[in-house]
Amino acid sequence: MNVQPLARLTAFTFALMATSALHAETLHLQLMTVPEWKAVYGRVEARNSVPARARIGGTVIDLKVTEGDSVGTGDVIATVKDDKIDFQIAAIDAQLLGLKASLDNAQSELSRGEELIKRGVTTAQRLDALRTQVDVVRNQIAAAEAQRSVYIEQGKEGDVLAPTSGKVLTVPVTRDAVIMAGETVATIGGGGFYLRLAIPERHADLLEEGASIEIDSGNGHESRGRLAKIYPEIDNGRVIADVEVGDLPTSFVNKRVLVRVPVGERNALFLPQAALKNRYGVDYVTIKAGEETTERAVVTAKPIRIHGQPMTEILTGLAAGDEIVLP
């Protein structure tokens, strides 16, 4: 058996390993200040929840929307009809016919009186009375026409209009239902959507407006938001806060979403995820002490990204100042 080639190969391999170890990059482990997160649930809410109310009482003869529909400001979402309005308009029309007949008669009497005054048969007092009668009938006609316009406008107010642009949240009425004036036909959620949080009051002093919020929308989708407003009133031991999110899911209003809120800071040790080696479910890190390197088992937390780089928090096994060999 030829031993010399194997010995030379082994020596070359050890030399190559020593050279690689000599030129390997190292990292001096230092404590990093990171936010302390508090996991709470937020609720997707509409910024404005405005009821669309009926302006007159009557029967709902047409209902154009249902829950989840999108509407614009001024869109007709339902029609309410009051049959009494048609009868009132018909009564005014009949009254106008009688008044117009009275006006024709009064004008005829006035014209006859003007001819008689020229002949000296009647008196000026009688002529003034005829003129007054004509004016009275004309004013009665004007009042009746104004009253008719009021009834026509009431009929137009049977259209229930959307008060704002947004999504229909609730529709508490059905077609052919009888409703009163001022009753809610639909509730419109508009003005955009935001995330409302209820955080335990012990964290109230640690919250800051403008802080970055981590949001888990489910299905592995994560996003970030901004703590826009903190309300000064504590409700049932909770601080109410609003979060603005650019890509907030709005398929379901009042949906609960898991949110992580920064409530302080802490010091922690982080390593690049590539520096870890996993064998049989145990994570190992290569440490350099002088000219020697050793492997040490560590306990890690969930990987995170810091400045776009995948990092892993070291819970136990390492200390600040350790020199880590990077691959």
C-alpha atoms as a PDB file:
ATOM      1  CA  MET A   1       0.000   0.000   0.000  1.00  0.00           C
ATOM      2  CA  ASN A   2       1.347   3.388  -0.969  1.00  0.00           C
ATOM      3  CA  VAL A   3       1.100   5.649   2.101  1.00  0.00           C
ATOM      4  CA  GLN A   4       2.981   8.702   0.841  1.00  0.00           C
ATOM      5  CA  PRO A   5       0.271  10.086  -1.556  1.00  0.00           C
ATOM      6  CA  LEU A   6      -2.381   9.679   1.185  1.00  0.00           C
ATOM      7  CA  ALA A   7      -0.137  11.409   3.711  1.00  0.00           C
ATOM      8  CA  ARG A   8       0.543  14.254   1.293  1.00  0.00           C
ATOM      9  CA  LEU A   9      -3.230  14.623   0.593  1.00  0.00           C
ATOM     10  CA  THR A  10      -4.011  14.632   4.281  1.00  0.00           C
ATOM     11  CA  ALA A  11      -1.338  17.259   4.980  1.00  0.00           C
ATOM     12  CA  PHE A  12      -2.644  19.425   2.133  1.00  0.00           C
ATOM     13  CA  THR A  13      -6.202  19.118   3.449  1.00  0.00           C
ATOM     14  CA  PHE A  14      -5.172  20.183   6.942  1.00  0.00           C
ATOM     15  CA  ALA A  15      -3.177  23.096   5.517  1.00  0.00           C
ATOM     16  CA  LEU A  16      -6.185  24.203   3.442  1.00  0.00           C
ATOM     17  CA  MET A  17      -8.418  24.028   6.518  1.00  0.00           C
ATOM     18  CA  ALA A  18      -5.912  26.032   8.540  1.00  0.00           C
ATOM     19  CA  THR A  19      -5.667  28.635   5.785  1.00  0.00           C
ATOM     20  CA  SER A  20      -9.464  28.886   5.576  1.00  0.00           C
ATOM     21  CA  ALA A  21      -9.721  29.272   9.341  1.00  0.00           C
ATOM     22  CA  LEU A  22      -6.940  31.848   9.246  1.00  0.00           C
ATOM     23  CA  HIS A  23      -8.775  33.997   6.695  1.00  0.00           C
ATOM     24  CA  ALA A  24     -12.333  33.391   7.967  1.00  0.00           C
ATOM     25  CA  GLU A  25     -14.320  36.469   8.900  1.00  0.00           C
ATOM     26  CA  THR A  26     -15.090  36.975  12.549  1.00  0.00           C
ATOM     27  CA  LEU A  27     -17.644  39.009  14.431  1.00  0.00           C
ATOM     28  CA  HIS A  28     -17.324  40.425  17.936  1.00  0.00           C
ATOM     29  CA  LEU A  29     -20.661  39.852  19.577  1.00  0.00           C
ATOM     30  CA  GLN A  30     -22.184  43.007  21.099  1.00  0.00           C
ATOM     31  CA  LEU A  31     -25.453  43.881  22.763  1.00  0.00           C
ATOM     32  CA  MET A  32     -28.037  45.573  20.555  1.00  0.00           C
ATOM     33  CA  THR A  33     -30.939  47.707  21.722  1.00  0.00           C
ATOM     34  CA  VAL A  34     -34.209  46.447  20.254  1.00  0.00           C
ATOM     35  CA  PRO A  35     -37.858  47.291  20.935  1.00  0.00           C
ATOM     36  CA  GLU A  36     -39.817  45.314  23.475  1.00  0.00           C
ATOM     37  CA  TRP A  37     -43.008  44.178  21.750  1.00  0.00           C
ATOM     38  CA  LYS A  38     -46.449  43.653  23.244  1.00  0.00           C
ATOM     39  CA  ALA A  39     -48.810  41.411  21.285  1.00  0.00           C
ATOM     40  CA  VAL A  40     -52.426  42.654  21.225  1.00  0.00           C
ATOM     41  CA  TYR A  41     -55.387  42.348  18.906  1.00  0.00           C
ATOM     42  CA  GLY A  42     -56.541  45.272  16.786  1.00  0.00           C
ATOM     43  CA  ARG A  43     -59.879  45.690  15.074  1.00  0.00           C
ATOM     44  CA  VAL A  44     -60.420  46.954  11.528  1.00  0.00           C
ATOM     45  CA  GLU A  45     -62.894  49.847  11.723  1.00  0.00           C
ATOM     46  CA  ALA A  46     -64.247  52.482   9.363  1.00  0.00           C
ATOM     47  CA  ARG A  47     -63.175  56.017  10.197  1.00  0.00           C
ATOM     48  CA  ASN A  48     -66.746  57.294   9.779  1.00  0.00           C
ATOM     49  CA  SER A  49     -69.858  55.210  10.338  1.00  0.00           C
ATOM     50  CA  VAL A  50     -72.753  57.308   9.013  1.00  0.00           C
ATOM     51  CA  PRO A  51     -76.422  56.225   8.919  1.00  0.00           C
ATOM     52  CA  ALA A  52     -78.433  56.828   5.762  1.00  0.00           C
ATOM     53  CA  ARG A  53     -81.848  57.912   7.065  1.00  0.00           C
ATOM     54  CA  ALA A  54     -85.268  58.151   5.463  1.00  0.00           C
ATOM     55  CA  ARG A  55     -86.443  61.748   5.102  1.00  0.00           C
ATOM     56  CA  ILE A  56     -90.138  60.834   4.987  1.00  0.00           C
ATOM     57  CA  GLY A  57     -92.239  58.053   6.423  1.00  0.00           C
ATOM     58  CA  GLY A  58     -93.800  55.439   4.206  1.00  0.00           C
ATOM     59  CA  THR A  59     -93.224  52.079   2.549  1.00  0.00           C
ATOM     60  CA  VAL A  60     -89.859  50.948   1.161  1.00  0.00           C
ATOM     61  CA  ILE A  61     -90.733  50.170  -2.448  1.00  0.00           C
ATOM     62  CA  ASP A  62     -87.152  49.751  -3.702  1.00  0.00           C
ATOM     63  CA  LEU A  63     -83.942  48.695  -1.923  1.00  0.00           C
ATOM     64  CA  LYS A  64     -80.848  48.896  -4.117  1.00  0.00           C
ATOM     65  CA  VAL A  65     -78.019  47.860  -1.740  1.00  0.00           C
ATOM     66  CA  THR A  66     -77.040  45.058   0.584  1.00  0.00           C
ATOM     67  CA  GLU A  67     -74.240  44.530   3.088  1.00  0.00           C
ATOM     68  CA  GLY A  68     -70.792  44.824   1.518  1.00  0.00           C
ATOM     69  CA  ASP A  69     -71.786  46.981  -1.466  1.00  0.00           C
ATOM     70  CA  SER A  70     -69.733  50.062  -2.305  1.00  0.00           C
ATOM     71  CA  VAL A  71     -71.601  53.352  -2.745  1.00  0.00           C
ATOM     72  CA  GLY A  72     -70.720  56.937  -3.594  1.00  0.00           C
ATOM     73  CA  THR A  73     -71.917  60.161  -2.054  1.00  0.00           C
ATOM     74  CA  GLY A  74     -75.441  60.946  -3.251  1.00  0.00           C
ATOM     75  CA  ASP A  75     -76.210  57.494  -4.662  1.00  0.00           C
ATOM     76  CA  VAL A  76     -79.855  56.411  -4.285  1.00  0.00           C
ATOM     77  CA  ILE A  77     -79.812  53.354  -2.036  1.00  0.00           C
ATOM     78  CA  ALA A  78     -83.563  53.021  -1.434  1.00  0.00           C
ATOM     79  CA  THR A  79     -86.901  54.612  -2.278  1.00  0.00           C
ATOM     80  CA  VAL A  80     -89.653  55.313   0.239  1.00  0.00           C
ATOM     81  CA  LYS A  81     -93.186  56.098  -0.996  1.00  0.00           C
ATOM     82  CA  ASP A  82     -95.990  57.769   0.964  1.00  0.00           C
ATOM     83  CA  ASP A  83     -99.336  57.341  -0.868  1.00  0.00           C
ATOM     84  CA  LYS A  84    -100.854  60.279   1.017  1.00  0.00           C
ATOM     85  CA  ILE A  85     -98.601  62.689  -0.875  1.00  0.00           C
ATOM     86  CA  ASP A  86    -100.298  61.831  -4.188  1.00  0.00           C
ATOM     87  CA  PHE A  87    -103.712  62.450  -2.666  1.00  0.00           C
ATOM     88  CA  GLN A  88    -102.554  65.766  -1.204  1.00  0.00           C
ATOM     89  CA  ILE A  89    -101.230  66.868  -4.618  1.00  0.00           C
ATOM     90  CA  ALA A  90    -104.530  65.864  -6.233  1.00  0.00           C
ATOM     91  CA  ALA A  91    -106.426  67.920  -3.625  1.00  0.00           C
ATOM     92  CA  ILE A  92    -104.249  70.957  -4.321  1.00  0.00           C
ATOM     93  CA  ASP A  93    -104.811  70.538  -8.078  1.00  0.00           C
ATOM     94  CA  ALA A  94    -108.570  70.545  -7.543  1.00  0.00           C
ATOM     95  CA  GLN A  95    -108.276  73.592  -5.315  1.00  0.00           C
ATOM     96  CA  LEU A  96    -106.261  75.379  -7.983  1.00  0.00           C
ATOM     97  CA  LEU A  97    -108.958  74.716 -10.592  1.00  0.00           C
ATOM     98  CA  GLY A  98    -111.556  76.359  -8.335  1.00  0.00           C
ATOM     99  CA  LEU A  99    -109.298  79.310  -7.564  1.00  0.00           C
ATOM    100  CA  LYS A 100    -108.536  79.887 -11.240  1.00  0.00           C
ATOM    101  CA  ALA A 101    -112.265  79.916 -11.972  1.00  0.00           C
ATOM    102  CA  SER A 102    -112.750  82.422  -9.175  1.00  0.00           C
ATOM    103  CA  LEU A 103    -109.923  84.518 -10.590  1.00  0.00           C
ATOM    104  CA  ASP A 104    -111.543  84.566 -14.048  1.00  0.00           C
ATOM    105  CA  ASN A 105    -114.812  85.655 -12.491  1.00  0.00           C
ATOM    106  CA  ALA A 106    -113.137  88.356 -10.363  1.00  0.00           C
ATOM    107  CA  GLN A 107    -111.268  89.702 -13.375  1.00  0.00           C
ATOM    108  CA  SER A 108    -114.530  89.846 -15.353  1.00  0.00           C
ATOM    109  CA  GLU A 109    -116.192  91.745 -12.525  1.00  0.00           C
ATOM    110  CA  LEU A 110    -113.231  94.121 -12.385  1.00  0.00           C
ATOM    111  CA  SER A 111    -113.389  94.776 -16.140  1.00  0.00           C
ATOM    112  CA  ARG A 112    -117.155  95.470 -15.898  1.00  0.00           C
ATOM    113  CA  GLY A 113    -116.576  97.810 -12.958  1.00  0.00           C
ATOM    114  CA  GLU A 114    -113.934  99.751 -14.902  1.00  0.00           C
ATOM    115  CA  GLU A 115    -116.448 100.266 -17.756  1.00  0.00           C
ATOM    116  CA  LEU A 116    -119.124 101.371 -15.327  1.00  0.00           C
ATOM    117  CA  ILE A 117    -116.856 103.833 -13.541  1.00  0.00           C
ATOM    118  CA  LYS A 118    -116.193 105.500 -16.889  1.00  0.00           C
ATOM    119  CA  ARG A 119    -119.951 106.022 -17.324  1.00  0.00           C
ATOM    120  CA  GLY A 120    -120.321 107.216 -13.758  1.00  0.00           C
ATOM    121  CA  VAL A 121    -122.719 104.386 -12.862  1.00  0.00           C
ATOM    122  CA  THR A 122    -120.640 102.834 -10.066  1.00  0.00           C
ATOM    123  CA  THR A 123    -118.420 104.244  -7.343  1.00  0.00           C
ATOM    124  CA  ALA A 124    -114.623 104.199  -6.897  1.00  0.00           C
ATOM    125  CA  GLN A 125    -115.108 102.318  -3.622  1.00  0.00           C
ATOM    126  CA  ARG A 126    -116.820  99.495  -5.464  1.00  0.00           C
ATOM    127  CA  LEU A 127    -113.986  99.393  -8.022  1.00  0.00           C
ATOM    128  CA  ASP A 128    -111.363  99.162  -5.263  1.00  0.00           C
ATOM    129  CA  ALA A 129    -113.259  96.261  -3.724  1.00  0.00           C
ATOM    130  CA  LEU A 130    -113.190  94.402  -7.054  1.00  0.00           C
ATOM    131  CA  ARG A 131    -109.451  94.994  -7.427  1.00  0.00           C
ATOM    132  CA  THR A 132    -108.905  93.687  -3.876  1.00  0.00           C
ATOM    133  CA  GLN A 133    -110.921  90.590  -4.658  1.00  0.00           C
ATOM    134  CA  VAL A 134    -108.740  89.871  -7.703  1.00  0.00           C
ATOM    135  CA  ASP A 135    -105.556  90.277  -5.632  1.00  0.00           C
ATOM    136  CA  VAL A 136    -106.914  87.986  -2.918  1.00  0.00           C
ATOM    137  CA  VAL A 137    -107.680  85.213  -5.399  1.00  0.00           C
ATOM    138  CA  ARG A 138    -104.254  85.573  -7.033  1.00  0.00           C
ATOM    139  CA  ASN A 139    -102.554  85.263  -3.646  1.00  0.00           C
ATOM    140  CA  GLN A 140    -104.652  82.208  -2.841  1.00  0.00           C
ATOM    141  CA  ILE A 141    -103.508  80.627  -6.108  1.00  0.00           C
ATOM    142  CA  ALA A 142     -99.859  81.447  -5.301  1.00  0.00           C
ATOM    143  CA  ALA A 143    -100.231  79.889  -1.826  1.00  0.00           C
ATOM    144  CA  ALA A 144    -101.819  76.742  -3.283  1.00  0.00           C
ATOM    145  CA  GLU A 145     -99.067  76.406  -5.893  1.00  0.00           C
ATOM    146  CA  ALA A 146     -96.411  76.803  -3.173  1.00  0.00           C
ATOM    147  CA  GLN A 147     -98.146  74.127  -1.088  1.00  0.00           C
ATOM    148  CA  ARG A 148     -98.221  71.869  -4.132  1.00  0.00           C
ATOM    149  CA  SER A 149     -94.458  72.401  -4.597  1.00  0.00           C
ATOM    150  CA  VAL A 150     -93.933  71.359  -0.963  1.00  0.00           C
ATOM    151  CA  TYR A 151     -95.785  68.071  -1.525  1.00  0.00           C
ATOM    152  CA  ILE A 152     -93.882  67.421  -4.751  1.00  0.00           C
ATOM    153  CA  GLU A 153     -90.586  68.006  -2.926  1.00  0.00           C
ATOM    154  CA  GLN A 154     -91.682  65.636  -0.169  1.00  0.00           C
ATOM    155  CA  GLY A 155     -92.297  63.015  -2.828  1.00  0.00           C
ATOM    156  CA  LYS A 156     -88.771  63.528  -4.156  1.00  0.00           C
ATOM    157  CA  GLU A 157     -87.398  63.122  -0.632  1.00  0.00           C
ATOM    158  CA  GLY A 158     -88.528  59.524  -0.757  1.00  0.00           C
ATOM    159  CA  ASP A 159     -85.147  58.744  -2.345  1.00  0.00           C
ATOM    160  CA  VAL A 160     -82.740  57.719   0.421  1.00  0.00           C
ATOM    161  CA  LEU A 161     -79.272  59.030  -0.504  1.00  0.00           C
ATOM    162  CA  ALA A 162     -75.864  57.752   0.616  1.00  0.00           C
ATOM    163  CA  PRO A 163     -74.396  60.447   2.911  1.00  0.00           C
ATOM    164  CA  THR A 164     -70.794  59.479   2.147  1.00  0.00           C
ATOM    165  CA  SER A 165     -68.686  57.262  -0.074  1.00  0.00           C
ATOM    166  CA  GLY A 166     -67.747  53.908   1.382  1.00  0.00           C
ATOM    167  CA  LYS A 167     -68.989  50.405   2.083  1.00  0.00           C
ATOM    168  CA  VAL A 168     -72.464  49.397   3.257  1.00  0.00           C
ATOM    169  CA  LEU A 169     -72.065  47.871   6.722  1.00  0.00           C
ATOM    170  CA  THR A 170     -75.660  47.143   7.759  1.00  0.00           C
ATOM    171  CA  VAL A 171     -79.104  47.250   6.139  1.00  0.00           C
ATOM    172  CA  PRO A 172     -81.674  46.897   8.961  1.00  0.00           C
ATOM    173  CA  VAL A 173     -84.764  47.173   6.698  1.00  0.00           C
ATOM    174  CA  THR A 174     -86.262  45.095   3.901  1.00  0.00           C
ATOM    175  CA  ARG A 175     -88.344  45.882   0.871  1.00  0.00           C
ATOM    176  CA  ASP A 176     -92.058  46.584   1.578  1.00  0.00           C
ATOM    177  CA  ALA A 177     -91.206  47.498   5.168  1.00  0.00           C
ATOM    178  CA  VAL A 178     -92.983  50.504   6.711  1.00  0.00           C
ATOM    179  CA  ILE A 179     -90.588  53.029   8.252  1.00  0.00           C
ATOM    180  CA  MET A 180     -90.841  56.390   9.930  1.00  0.00           C
ATOM    181  CA  ALA A 181     -89.114  59.623   8.971  1.00  0.00           C
ATOM    182  CA  GLY A 182     -85.569  59.654  10.361  1.00  0.00           C
ATOM    183  CA  GLU A 183     -85.301  55.873  10.579  1.00  0.00           C
ATOM    184  CA  THR A 184     -82.002  54.289   9.464  1.00  0.00           C
ATOM    185  CA  VAL A 185     -82.160  52.467   6.141  1.00  0.00           C
ATOM    186  CA  ALA A 186     -78.445  51.576   5.901  1.00  0.00           C
ATOM    187  CA  THR A 187     -75.172  52.324   7.669  1.00  0.00           C
ATOM    188  CA  ILE A 188     -72.255  53.453   5.487  1.00  0.00           C
ATOM    189  CA  GLY A 189     -68.637  53.044   6.572  1.00  0.00           C
ATOM    190  CA  GLY A 190     -66.536  55.724   4.899  1.00  0.00           C
ATOM    191  CA  GLY A 191     -63.574  58.030   5.322  1.00  0.00           C
ATOM    192  CA  GLY A 192     -61.097  55.168   4.962  1.00  0.00           C
ATOM    193  CA  PHE A 193     -60.290  52.306   7.304  1.00  0.00           C
ATOM    194  CA  TYR A 194     -57.890  52.102  10.220  1.00  0.00           C
ATOM    195  CA  LEU A 195     -56.854  49.708  12.954  1.00  0.00           C
ATOM    196  CA  ARG A 196     -58.068  50.404  16.493  1.00  0.00           C
ATOM    197  CA  LEU A 197     -56.153  48.956  19.437  1.00  0.00           C
ATOM    198  CA  ALA A 198     -57.036  48.457  23.092  1.00  0.00           C
ATOM    199  CA  ILE A 199     -53.782  48.209  25.073  1.00  0.00           C
ATOM    200  CA  PRO A 200     -53.519  47.512  28.847  1.00  0.00           C
ATOM    201  CA  GLU A 201     -53.152  50.749  30.772  1.00  0.00           C
ATOM    202  CA  ARG A 202     -49.870  49.674  32.410  1.00  0.00           C
ATOM    203  CA  HIS A 203     -48.237  50.305  29.017  1.00  0.00           C
ATOM    204  CA  ALA A 204     -49.815  53.748  28.575  1.00  0.00           C
ATOM    205  CA  ASP A 205     -46.686  55.733  29.461  1.00  0.00           C
ATOM    206  CA  LEU A 206     -44.564  53.641  27.073  1.00  0.00           C
ATOM    207  CA  LEU A 207     -46.630  54.360  23.964  1.00  0.00           C
ATOM    208  CA  GLU A 208     -45.487  57.058  21.532  1.00  0.00           C
ATOM    209  CA  GLU A 209     -47.346  58.518  18.583  1.00  0.00           C
ATOM    210  CA  GLY A 210     -45.552  57.813  15.322  1.00  0.00           C
ATOM    211  CA  ALA A 211     -44.088  54.519  16.541  1.00  0.00           C
ATOM    212  CA  SER A 212     -43.793  51.696  14.008  1.00  0.00           C
ATOM    213  CA  ILE A 213     -46.269  48.838  14.477  1.00  0.00           C
ATOM    214  CA  GLU A 214     -45.942  45.256  13.215  1.00  0.00           C
ATOM    215  CA  ILE A 215     -49.161  43.719  11.903  1.00  0.00           C
ATOM    216  CA  ASP A 216     -49.846  40.047  11.215  1.00  0.00           C
ATOM    217  CA  SER A 217     -52.768  39.981   8.771  1.00  0.00           C
ATOM    218  CA  GLY A 218     -52.861  36.197   8.664  1.00  0.00           C
ATOM    219  CA  ASN A 219     -51.787  33.650   6.022  1.00  0.00           C
ATOM    220  CA  GLY A 220     -48.169  34.637   6.620  1.00  0.00           C
ATOM    221  CA  HIS A 221     -48.728  38.202   5.420  1.00  0.00           C
ATOM    222  CA  GLU A 222     -47.042  40.812   7.602  1.00  0.00           C
ATOM    223  CA  SER A 223     -47.073  44.573   7.221  1.00  0.00           C
ATOM    224  CA  ARG A 224     -46.160  47.675   9.158  1.00  0.00           C
ATOM    225  CA  GLY A 225     -48.208  50.627  10.323  1.00  0.00           C
ATOM    226  CA  ARG A 226     -47.841  53.843  12.269  1.00  0.00           C
ATOM    227  CA  LEU A 227     -49.335  54.654  15.660  1.00  0.00           C
ATOM    228  CA  ALA A 228     -51.338  57.687  14.528  1.00  0.00           C
ATOM    229  CA  LYS A 229     -53.323  58.667  17.624  1.00  0.00           C
ATOM    230  CA  ILE A 230     -53.477  57.795  21.318  1.00  0.00           C
ATOM    231  CA  TYR A 231     -56.740  58.723  23.031  1.00  0.00           C
ATOM    232  CA  PRO A 232     -56.362  60.352  26.473  1.00  0.00           C
ATOM    233  CA  GLU A 233     -59.297  58.516  28.072  1.00  0.00           C
ATOM    234  CA  ILE A 234     -58.729  55.036  29.510  1.00  0.00           C
ATOM    235  CA  ASP A 235     -61.718  52.779  28.881  1.00  0.00           C
ATOM    236  CA  ASN A 236     -62.163  49.740  31.165  1.00  0.00           C
ATOM    237  CA  GLY A 237     -58.444  49.557  31.913  1.00  0.00           C
ATOM    238  CA  ARG A 238     -57.446  49.901  28.263  1.00  0.00           C
ATOM    239  CA  VAL A 239     -55.743  52.648  26.295  1.00  0.00           C
ATOM    240  CA  ILE A 240     -57.407  53.210  22.922  1.00  0.00           C
ATOM    241  CA  ALA A 241     -55.094  53.937  19.987  1.00  0.00           C
ATOM    242  CA  ASP A 242     -55.458  54.163  16.204  1.00  0.00           C
ATOM    243  CA  VAL A 243     -52.975  52.743  13.704  1.00  0.00           C
ATOM    244  CA  GLU A 244     -52.689  53.848  10.082  1.00  0.00           C
ATOM    245  CA  VAL A 245     -51.860  51.002   7.697  1.00  0.00           C
ATOM    246  CA  GLY A 246     -51.279  51.383   3.980  1.00  0.00           C
ATOM    247  CA  ASP A 247     -52.388  47.895   2.891  1.00  0.00           C
ATOM    248  CA  LEU A 248     -54.912  47.151   5.630  1.00  0.00           C
ATOM    249  CA  PRO A 249     -57.267  44.308   4.616  1.00  0.00           C
ATOM    250  CA  THR A 250     -60.804  45.736   4.492  1.00  0.00           C
ATOM    251  CA  SER A 251     -62.753  42.696   3.319  1.00  0.00           C
ATOM    252  CA  PHE A 252     -64.314  42.392   6.774  1.00  0.00           C
ATOM    253  CA  VAL A 253     -65.021  45.373   8.993  1.00  0.00           C
ATOM    254  CA  ASN A 254     -64.439  44.748  12.744  1.00  0.00           C
ATOM    255  CA  LYS A 255     -62.076  41.900  11.882  1.00  0.00           C
ATOM    256  CA  ARG A 256     -59.496  41.234  14.608  1.00  0.00           C
ATOM    257  CA  VAL A 257     -55.834  41.341  13.579  1.00  0.00           C
ATOM    258  CA  LEU A 258     -52.769  40.405  15.630  1.00  0.00           C
ATOM    259  CA  VAL A 259     -50.574  43.454  16.256  1.00  0.00           C
ATOM    260  CA  ARG A 260     -47.219  43.912  17.986  1.00  0.00           C
ATOM    261  CA  VAL A 261     -46.785  47.273  19.688  1.00  0.00           C
ATOM    262  CA  PRO A 262     -43.433  48.627  21.003  1.00  0.00           C
ATOM    263  CA  VAL A 263     -43.770  49.217  24.753  1.00  0.00           C
ATOM    264  CA  GLY A 264     -40.090  49.770  25.642  1.00  0.00           C
ATOM    265  CA  GLU A 265     -36.552  48.683  24.798  1.00  0.00           C
ATOM    266  CA  ARG A 266     -34.231  45.868  25.828  1.00  0.00           C
ATOM    267  CA  ASN A 267     -30.682  44.665  25.119  1.00  0.00           C
ATOM    268  CA  ALA A 268     -30.192  41.433  23.210  1.00  0.00           C
ATOM    269  CA  LEU A 269     -27.547  39.472  21.315  1.00  0.00           C
ATOM    270  CA  PHE A 270     -28.060  38.922  17.584  1.00  0.00           C
ATOM    271  CA  LEU A 271     -26.140  36.891  15.034  1.00  0.00           C
ATOM    272  CA  PRO A 272     -26.542  36.568  11.278  1.00  0.00           C
ATOM    273  CA  GLN A 273     -28.655  33.540  10.569  1.00  0.00           C
ATOM    274  CA  ALA A 274     -25.896  32.110   8.360  1.00  0.00           C
ATOM    275  CA  ALA A 275     -23.567  31.873  11.387  1.00  0.00           C
ATOM    276  CA  LEU A 276     -25.692  29.081  12.887  1.00  0.00           C
ATOM    277  CA  LYS A 277     -25.237  25.426  12.142  1.00  0.00           C
ATOM    278  CA  ASN A 278     -28.032  23.023  12.993  1.00  0.00           C
ATOM    279  CA  ARG A 279     -27.312  19.388  13.714  1.00  0.00           C
ATOM    280  CA  TYR A 280     -29.957  17.020  15.021  1.00  0.00           C
ATOM    281  CA  GLY A 281     -32.174  19.923  16.021  1.00  0.00           C
ATOM    282  CA  VAL A 282     -29.459  21.741  17.998  1.00  0.00           C
ATOM    283  CA  ASP A 283     -27.955  25.063  16.867  1.00  0.00           C
ATOM    284  CA  TYR A 284     -24.180  25.475  17.080  1.00  0.00           C
ATOM    285  CA  VAL A 285     -21.959  28.555  16.707  1.00  0.00           C
ATOM    286  CA  THR A 286     -18.207  28.507  16.001  1.00  0.00           C
ATOM    287  CA  ILE A 287     -16.262  30.610  18.515  1.00  0.00           C
ATOM    288  CA  LYS A 288     -12.661  31.717  18.143  1.00  0.00           C
ATOM    289  CA  ALA A 289     -10.522  31.908  21.266  1.00  0.00           C
ATOM    290  CA  GLY A 290      -6.972  32.915  20.383  1.00  0.00           C
ATOM    291  CA  GLU A 291      -5.857  30.642  17.573  1.00  0.00           C
ATOM    292  CA  GLU A 292      -8.324  27.909  18.392  1.00  0.00           C
ATOM    293  CA  THR A 293     -11.941  27.545  17.363  1.00  0.00           C
ATOM    294  CA  THR A 294     -14.643  25.605  19.136  1.00  0.00           C
ATOM    295  CA  GLU A 295     -18.313  24.987  18.624  1.00  0.00           C
ATOM    296  CA  ARG A 296     -20.845  25.931  21.256  1.00  0.00           C
ATOM    297  CA  ALA A 297     -24.507  24.973  21.470  1.00  0.00           C
ATOM    298  CA  VAL A 298     -26.911  27.922  21.729  1.00  0.00           C
ATOM    299  CA  VAL A 299     -30.621  28.494  22.240  1.00  0.00           C
ATOM    300  CA  THR A 300     -32.161  30.836  19.692  1.00  0.00           C
ATOM    301  CA  ALA A 301     -35.404  32.757  19.269  1.00  0.00           C
ATOM    302  CA  LYS A 302     -37.517  33.387  16.168  1.00  0.00           C
ATOM    303  CA  PRO A 303     -35.482  34.840  13.260  1.00  0.00           C
ATOM    304  CA  ILE A 304     -36.113  38.489  12.437  1.00  0.00           C
ATOM    305  CA  ARG A 305     -34.811  40.979   9.883  1.00  0.00           C
ATOM    306  CA  ILE A 306     -32.673  43.897  11.029  1.00  0.00           C
ATOM    307  CA  HIS A 307     -31.824  46.480   8.351  1.00  0.00           C
ATOM    308  CA  GLY A 308     -32.902  43.940   5.729  1.00  0.00           C
ATOM    309  CA  GLN A 309     -30.521  41.203   6.981  1.00  0.00           C
ATOM    310  CA  PRO A 310     -31.850  37.943   8.486  1.00  0.00           C
ATOM    311  CA  MET A 311     -30.740  37.806  12.131  1.00  0.00           C
ATOM    312  CA  THR A 312     -31.335  35.428  15.016  1.00  0.00           C
ATOM    313  CA  GLU A 313     -31.515  36.361  18.688  1.00  0.00           C
ATOM    314  CA  ILE A 314     -29.267  34.321  20.971  1.00  0.00           C
ATOM    315  CA  LEU A 315     -31.036  33.535  24.242  1.00  0.00           C
ATOM    316  CA  THR A 316     -28.342  31.456  25.980  1.00  0.00           C
ATOM    317  CA  GLY A 317     -24.922  30.016  25.158  1.00  0.00           C
ATOM    318  CA  LEU A 318     -23.046  33.209  24.214  1.00  0.00           C
ATOM    319  CA  ALA A 319     -22.014  36.434  25.926  1.00  0.00           C
ATOM    320  CA  ALA A 320     -21.121  39.915  24.772  1.00  0.00           C
ATOM    321  CA  GLY A 321     -17.492  40.062  23.593  1.00  0.00           C
ATOM    322  CA  ASP A 322     -17.361  36.543  22.142  1.00  0.00           C
ATOM    323  CA  GLU A 323     -15.632  36.344  18.757  1.00  0.00           C
ATOM    324  CA  ILE A 324     -17.826  34.465  16.303  1.00  0.00           C
ATOM    325  CA  VAL A 325     -16.440  32.827  13.167  1.00  0.00           C
ATOM    326  CA  LEU A 326     -18.663  33.578  10.177  1.00  0.00           C
ATOM    327  CA  PRO A 327     -18.924  31.150   7.270  1.00  0.00           C
END
